[in-house]
Structure formats: structure tokens, C-alpha cells
Amino acid sequence: MSYSSHSSFNRFAEATLADLWLPEESCEQVLDWMTGNKNFLVYLGNPGIGKTHLSRAVLKDYTKGINHKRYWKEADLLARLRSGMDDRGDYIENLKYLCDDDLIIIDDLGSCGLTDWRKEVLFALIDFRYESMKPTMFTSNLSRNDFKENFEPRVFSRLFDKENTILEISGKDRRLN
């Protein structure tokens, strides 16, 4: 199991699915995703509602046919890809190496801003995982509408495919309340 070196992830080292801050229906959707054959779980919501907590619990508890798991904060993954580009600026082989695990979790999708390079990389990542049909979880503070307005239609279409599990949770920041 691999983790990026982000300290907030360590905060949830003991997180389990049993202690999530989600409505019961959403918990059932997560469990269905973990036991079914769905490709993506996309969890959207305000800061502080438990997205990273859920990521940690999923990484810890998801075992169905999973040998290699990896967690990335979007910023860490993009930095790693940029540092591994070859002389021609190619990152695709590095992307495949970093994201070819059985389960990948990308936390804070869209949080780094959207330069042309980032849009290109995020499309390549999403398309690679989509085509490989491997379980992939994305969390984001962006809304579905933000994705529609700021990403290419092909990214939006893959993320919000009707076969994916989409959780859109609103609520107050539990870190502040």
C-alpha cells in the first residue's frame, strides 16, 4: 500500500467505514461501490465534511481483489509527474507507473487550479483509470457544476458516467463546529 507524504492523511490512520460522518444511504452507496464492479466513486462536498476520512477508510477496508493500493493528494501527484517528465516533457509512462495500482484514491481533485498542463494531465489520468476499469475514488470540494464549467466535456463525462457512484454531500465543516 502506498501513500503520498501528506500529513493530513496520517490524521485519519485509524479511520474505518464504521465511524464515517455520512448519511446512511451514502454509506450504503460506498459499500455497494466497494463490493460491486463500479469504476469510479466521486465524492463531492464542502471542506471538513469527511472526504479525506472516507478516503482513508476506503483505503484501509477495500479488499475485494485488491493487492496494490495508492493514495494521492492531487498536488502531490502533479508534482511527482512534473518532476518525472523526460526531456520531451512526456509524463505518460510515469503516469501509468504511478497510477496502475488496483485501487487509486485522488484526494482534492481540482484543488490546484486548472492550467492547460494540469487539465491535460487530469484528463490522461481519468481516461487511463476509466479505460482500465479499475476502482478509483476521487474527492473534491468542487461541485458537479464546477466540473462541468471548468473541465472538458470528456473529463466531465467520464467522472459522472451513470455507472459511477456519485456522492454529493453538503454540510458544515466538522473541523470548525
C-alpha atoms as a PDB file:
ATOM      1  CA  MET A   1       0.000   0.000   0.000  1.00  0.00           C
ATOM      2  CA  SER A   2       1.404   3.405  -0.915  1.00  0.00           C
ATOM      3  CA  TYR A   3       0.605   6.837   0.396  1.00  0.00           C
ATOM      4  CA  SER A   4       1.667  10.272  -0.635  1.00  0.00           C
ATOM      5  CA  SER A   5       3.576  12.131   2.030  1.00  0.00           C
ATOM      6  CA  HIS A   6       0.718  14.358   3.083  1.00  0.00           C
ATOM      7  CA  SER A   7       0.350  14.788   6.853  1.00  0.00           C
ATOM      8  CA  SER A   8      -3.446  15.192   6.895  1.00  0.00           C
ATOM      9  CA  PHE A   9      -3.734  11.639   5.668  1.00  0.00           C
ATOM     10  CA  ASN A  10      -1.946  10.408   8.802  1.00  0.00           C
ATOM     11  CA  ARG A  11      -4.587  12.180  10.877  1.00  0.00           C
ATOM     12  CA  PHE A  12      -7.048   9.521   9.749  1.00  0.00           C
ATOM     13  CA  ALA A  13      -4.809   6.482  10.212  1.00  0.00           C
ATOM     14  CA  GLU A  14      -7.449   4.788  12.370  1.00  0.00           C
ATOM     15  CA  ALA A  15     -10.448   5.734  10.208  1.00  0.00           C
ATOM     16  CA  THR A  16     -12.882   2.954   9.414  1.00  0.00           C
ATOM     17  CA  LEU A  17     -16.102   2.745   7.469  1.00  0.00           C
ATOM     18  CA  ALA A  18     -17.939   2.189  10.753  1.00  0.00           C
ATOM     19  CA  ASP A  19     -17.195   5.703  12.016  1.00  0.00           C
ATOM     20  CA  LEU A  20     -17.971   7.767   8.923  1.00  0.00           C
ATOM     21  CA  TRP A  21     -19.872  11.046   9.077  1.00  0.00           C
ATOM     22  CA  LEU A  22     -22.163  10.173   6.197  1.00  0.00           C
ATOM     23  CA  PRO A  23     -25.901   9.703   5.862  1.00  0.00           C
ATOM     24  CA  GLU A  24     -26.853   6.018   5.945  1.00  0.00           C
ATOM     25  CA  GLU A  25     -27.836   5.988   2.265  1.00  0.00           C
ATOM     26  CA  SER A  26     -24.408   7.354   1.299  1.00  0.00           C
ATOM     27  CA  CYS A  27     -22.665   4.726   3.441  1.00  0.00           C
ATOM     28  CA  GLU A  28     -24.654   2.061   1.616  1.00  0.00           C
ATOM     29  CA  GLN A  29     -23.588   3.535  -1.732  1.00  0.00           C
ATOM     30  CA  VAL A  30     -19.932   3.388  -0.674  1.00  0.00           C
ATOM     31  CA  LEU A  31     -20.283  -0.231   0.424  1.00  0.00           C
ATOM     32  CA  ASP A  32     -22.060  -1.098  -2.835  1.00  0.00           C
ATOM     33  CA  TRP A  33     -19.210   0.517  -4.772  1.00  0.00           C
ATOM     34  CA  MET A  34     -16.624  -1.408  -2.771  1.00  0.00           C
ATOM     35  CA  THR A  35     -18.346  -4.754  -3.316  1.00  0.00           C
ATOM     36  CA  GLY A  36     -19.571  -4.187  -6.858  1.00  0.00           C
ATOM     37  CA  ASN A  37     -17.860  -3.653 -10.142  1.00  0.00           C
ATOM     38  CA  LYS A  38     -18.278   0.096 -10.405  1.00  0.00           C
ATOM     39  CA  ASN A  39     -15.351   2.015 -11.796  1.00  0.00           C
ATOM     40  CA  PHE A  40     -15.360   5.418 -10.047  1.00  0.00           C
ATOM     41  CA  LEU A  41     -16.543   6.739  -6.717  1.00  0.00           C
ATOM     42  CA  VAL A  42     -16.715  10.536  -6.890  1.00  0.00           C
ATOM     43  CA  TYR A  43     -17.278  12.262  -3.539  1.00  0.00           C
ATOM     44  CA  LEU A  44     -18.031  15.987  -3.742  1.00  0.00           C
ATOM     45  CA  GLY A  45     -18.614  18.313  -0.835  1.00  0.00           C
ATOM     46  CA  ASN A  46     -17.623  21.275   1.249  1.00  0.00           C
ATOM     47  CA  PRO A  47     -14.359  21.313   3.206  1.00  0.00           C
ATOM     48  CA  GLY A  48     -14.470  19.491   6.533  1.00  0.00           C
ATOM     49  CA  ILE A  49     -17.308  17.057   5.835  1.00  0.00           C
ATOM     50  CA  GLY A  50     -15.188  13.910   5.874  1.00  0.00           C
ATOM     51  CA  LYS A  51     -13.871  13.345   2.356  1.00  0.00           C
ATOM     52  CA  THR A  52     -10.301  12.539   3.434  1.00  0.00           C
ATOM     53  CA  HIS A  53     -11.685  10.498   6.333  1.00  0.00           C
ATOM     54  CA  LEU A  54     -13.702   8.414   3.868  1.00  0.00           C
ATOM     55  CA  SER A  55     -10.647   8.084   1.604  1.00  0.00           C
ATOM     56  CA  ARG A  56      -8.621   6.631   4.459  1.00  0.00           C
ATOM     57  CA  ALA A  57     -11.394   4.255   5.495  1.00  0.00           C
ATOM     58  CA  VAL A  58     -11.830   3.038   1.917  1.00  0.00           C
ATOM     59  CA  LEU A  59      -8.088   2.539   1.508  1.00  0.00           C
ATOM     60  CA  LYS A  60      -7.977   0.560   4.729  1.00  0.00           C
ATOM     61  CA  ASP A  61     -11.140  -1.530   4.241  1.00  0.00           C
ATOM     62  CA  TYR A  62     -11.339  -2.094   0.466  1.00  0.00           C
ATOM     63  CA  THR A  63     -10.006  -5.594  -0.124  1.00  0.00           C
ATOM     64  CA  LYS A  64     -12.023  -7.169  -2.967  1.00  0.00           C
ATOM     65  CA  GLY A  65      -9.363  -8.305  -5.450  1.00  0.00           C
ATOM     66  CA  ILE A  66      -7.073  -5.513  -4.345  1.00  0.00           C
ATOM     67  CA  ASN A  67      -3.365  -6.152  -3.914  1.00  0.00           C
ATOM     68  CA  HIS A  68      -1.892  -2.728  -4.588  1.00  0.00           C
ATOM     69  CA  LYS A  69      -3.499   0.484  -3.357  1.00  0.00           C
ATOM     70  CA  ARG A  70      -2.300   4.045  -3.649  1.00  0.00           C
ATOM     71  CA  TYR A  71      -3.483   7.360  -2.235  1.00  0.00           C
ATOM     72  CA  TRP A  72      -2.559  10.725  -3.714  1.00  0.00           C
ATOM     73  CA  LYS A  73      -3.350  14.313  -2.917  1.00  0.00           C
ATOM     74  CA  GLU A  74      -3.771  15.905  -6.332  1.00  0.00           C
ATOM     75  CA  ALA A  75      -0.939  18.369  -5.616  1.00  0.00           C
ATOM     76  CA  ASP A  76       1.491  15.575  -4.703  1.00  0.00           C
ATOM     77  CA  LEU A  77       0.662  13.550  -7.809  1.00  0.00           C
ATOM     78  CA  LEU A  78       1.036  16.543 -10.127  1.00  0.00           C
ATOM     79  CA  ALA A  79       4.372  17.482  -8.530  1.00  0.00           C
ATOM     80  CA  ARG A  80       5.622  13.913  -8.898  1.00  0.00           C
ATOM     81  CA  LEU A  81       4.574  13.794 -12.547  1.00  0.00           C
ATOM     82  CA  ARG A  82       6.191  17.136 -13.314  1.00  0.00           C
ATOM     83  CA  SER A  83       9.474  16.082 -11.694  1.00  0.00           C
ATOM     84  CA  GLY A  84       9.467  12.812 -13.657  1.00  0.00           C
ATOM     85  CA  MET A  85       8.937  14.288 -17.127  1.00  0.00           C
ATOM     86  CA  ASP A  86      11.507  13.312 -19.706  1.00  0.00           C
ATOM     87  CA  ASP A  87      13.425  15.758 -21.899  1.00  0.00           C
ATOM     88  CA  ARG A  88      10.487  15.999 -24.284  1.00  0.00           C
ATOM     89  CA  GLY A  89       8.061  16.853 -21.462  1.00  0.00           C
ATOM     90  CA  ASP A  90       6.437  13.416 -21.625  1.00  0.00           C
ATOM     91  CA  TYR A  91       4.816  12.191 -18.427  1.00  0.00           C
ATOM     92  CA  ILE A  92       2.555   9.384 -19.724  1.00  0.00           C
ATOM     93  CA  GLU A  93       4.814   6.450 -18.816  1.00  0.00           C
ATOM     94  CA  ASN A  94       5.348   7.919 -15.353  1.00  0.00           C
ATOM     95  CA  LEU A  95       1.582   8.445 -15.000  1.00  0.00           C
ATOM     96  CA  LYS A  96       0.915   4.818 -15.890  1.00  0.00           C
ATOM     97  CA  TYR A  97       3.533   3.668 -13.384  1.00  0.00           C
ATOM     98  CA  LEU A  98       2.171   5.864 -10.583  1.00  0.00           C
ATOM     99  CA  CYS A  99      -1.491   5.117 -11.274  1.00  0.00           C
ATOM    100  CA  ASP A 100      -1.657   1.499 -12.383  1.00  0.00           C
ATOM    101  CA  ASP A 101      -2.429   0.075  -8.935  1.00  0.00           C
ATOM    102  CA  ASP A 102      -5.559  -1.983  -8.302  1.00  0.00           C
ATOM    103  CA  LEU A 103      -7.134   0.905  -6.339  1.00  0.00           C
ATOM    104  CA  ILE A 104      -6.233   4.586  -6.626  1.00  0.00           C
ATOM    105  CA  ILE A 105      -7.599   7.419  -4.496  1.00  0.00           C
ATOM    106  CA  ILE A 106      -7.113  11.012  -5.660  1.00  0.00           C
ATOM    107  CA  ASP A 107      -7.966  13.459  -2.884  1.00  0.00           C
ATOM    108  CA  ASP A 108      -8.810  17.126  -3.556  1.00  0.00           C
ATOM    109  CA  LEU A 109      -9.293  16.815  -7.323  1.00  0.00           C
ATOM    110  CA  GLY A 110      -9.307  20.261  -8.925  1.00  0.00           C
ATOM    111  CA  SER A 111      -7.724  21.966  -5.913  1.00  0.00           C
ATOM    112  CA  CYS A 112      -4.524  23.021  -7.705  1.00  0.00           C
ATOM    113  CA  GLY A 113      -6.097  25.291 -10.255  1.00  0.00           C
ATOM    114  CA  LEU A 114      -6.511  24.406 -13.890  1.00  0.00           C
ATOM    115  CA  THR A 115      -3.625  25.338 -16.137  1.00  0.00           C
ATOM    116  CA  ASP A 116      -3.591  23.773 -19.588  1.00  0.00           C
ATOM    117  CA  TRP A 117      -0.930  21.295 -18.417  1.00  0.00           C
ATOM    118  CA  ARG A 118      -2.970  20.268 -15.353  1.00  0.00           C
ATOM    119  CA  LYS A 119      -6.099  19.827 -17.465  1.00  0.00           C
ATOM    120  CA  GLU A 120      -4.141  17.619 -19.874  1.00  0.00           C
ATOM    121  CA  VAL A 121      -2.677  15.522 -17.049  1.00  0.00           C
ATOM    122  CA  LEU A 122      -6.007  15.140 -15.254  1.00  0.00           C
ATOM    123  CA  PHE A 123      -7.667  14.022 -18.468  1.00  0.00           C
ATOM    124  CA  ALA A 124      -4.888  11.470 -19.076  1.00  0.00           C
ATOM    125  CA  LEU A 125      -5.227  10.170 -15.503  1.00  0.00           C
ATOM    126  CA  ILE A 126      -9.024   9.976 -15.558  1.00  0.00           C
ATOM    127  CA  ASP A 127      -9.054   8.419 -19.017  1.00  0.00           C
ATOM    128  CA  PHE A 128      -6.383   5.848 -18.067  1.00  0.00           C
ATOM    129  CA  ARG A 129      -8.312   4.755 -14.978  1.00  0.00           C
ATOM    130  CA  TYR A 130     -11.657   4.853 -16.812  1.00  0.00           C
ATOM    131  CA  GLU A 131     -10.409   2.682 -19.677  1.00  0.00           C
ATOM    132  CA  SER A 132      -8.666   0.237 -17.317  1.00  0.00           C
ATOM    133  CA  MET A 133     -11.951  -0.135 -15.373  1.00  0.00           C
ATOM    134  CA  LYS A 134     -10.040  -0.259 -12.093  1.00  0.00           C
ATOM    135  CA  PRO A 135     -11.653   1.093  -8.923  1.00  0.00           C
ATOM    136  CA  THR A 136     -10.806   4.751  -8.497  1.00  0.00           C
ATOM    137  CA  MET A 137     -12.022   7.202  -5.879  1.00  0.00           C
ATOM    138  CA  PHE A 138     -11.930  10.965  -6.344  1.00  0.00           C
ATOM    139  CA  THR A 139     -12.756  13.569  -3.712  1.00  0.00           C
ATOM    140  CA  SER A 140     -13.238  17.251  -4.418  1.00  0.00           C
ATOM    141  CA  ASN A 141     -14.518  20.485  -2.929  1.00  0.00           C
ATOM    142  CA  LEU A 142     -15.809  21.350  -6.399  1.00  0.00           C
ATOM    143  CA  SER A 143     -19.452  20.859  -7.295  1.00  0.00           C
ATOM    144  CA  ARG A 144     -20.704  18.876 -10.274  1.00  0.00           C
ATOM    145  CA  ASN A 145     -21.463  22.210 -11.944  1.00  0.00           C
ATOM    146  CA  ASP A 146     -17.884  23.425 -11.281  1.00  0.00           C
ATOM    147  CA  PHE A 147     -16.589  20.346 -13.094  1.00  0.00           C
ATOM    148  CA  LYS A 148     -18.971  20.941 -15.984  1.00  0.00           C
ATOM    149  CA  GLU A 149     -17.908  24.585 -16.317  1.00  0.00           C
ATOM    150  CA  ASN A 150     -14.150  24.172 -15.815  1.00  0.00           C
ATOM    151  CA  PHE A 151     -13.215  20.809 -17.323  1.00  0.00           C
ATOM    152  CA  GLU A 152     -13.523  19.496 -20.847  1.00  0.00           C
ATOM    153  CA  PRO A 153     -16.737  17.588 -21.619  1.00  0.00           C
ATOM    154  CA  ARG A 154     -14.796  14.321 -21.949  1.00  0.00           C
ATOM    155  CA  VAL A 155     -13.499  14.658 -18.357  1.00  0.00           C
ATOM    156  CA  PHE A 156     -16.964  15.502 -17.062  1.00  0.00           C
ATOM    157  CA  SER A 157     -18.491  12.590 -18.984  1.00  0.00           C
ATOM    158  CA  ARG A 158     -16.029  10.048 -17.576  1.00  0.00           C
ATOM    159  CA  LEU A 159     -16.277  11.303 -13.986  1.00  0.00           C
ATOM    160  CA  PHE A 160     -20.060  11.497 -13.938  1.00  0.00           C
ATOM    161  CA  ASP A 161     -20.797   8.415 -16.041  1.00  0.00           C
ATOM    162  CA  LYS A 162     -24.168   6.986 -14.974  1.00  0.00           C
ATOM    163  CA  GLU A 163     -22.400   3.754 -13.995  1.00  0.00           C
ATOM    164  CA  ASN A 164     -20.201   5.533 -11.426  1.00  0.00           C
ATOM    165  CA  THR A 165     -21.090   6.133  -7.801  1.00  0.00           C
ATOM    166  CA  ILE A 166     -21.503   9.858  -7.180  1.00  0.00           C
ATOM    167  CA  LEU A 167     -21.859  11.276  -3.664  1.00  0.00           C
ATOM    168  CA  GLU A 168     -22.708  14.949  -3.331  1.00  0.00           C
ATOM    169  CA  ILE A 169     -22.808  15.803   0.351  1.00  0.00           C
ATOM    170  CA  SER A 170     -23.452  19.204   1.857  1.00  0.00           C
ATOM    171  CA  GLY A 171     -22.886  20.111   5.437  1.00  0.00           C
ATOM    172  CA  LYS A 172     -20.964  22.232   7.876  1.00  0.00           C
ATOM    173  CA  ASP A 173     -17.229  21.972   8.344  1.00  0.00           C
ATOM    174  CA  ARG A 174     -16.877  19.482  11.208  1.00  0.00           C
ATOM    175  CA  ARG A 175     -13.416  20.824  11.991  1.00  0.00           C
ATOM    176  CA  LEU A 176     -14.955  24.189  12.881  1.00  0.00           C
ATOM    177  CA  ASN A 177     -18.161  23.040  14.608  1.00  0.00           C
END
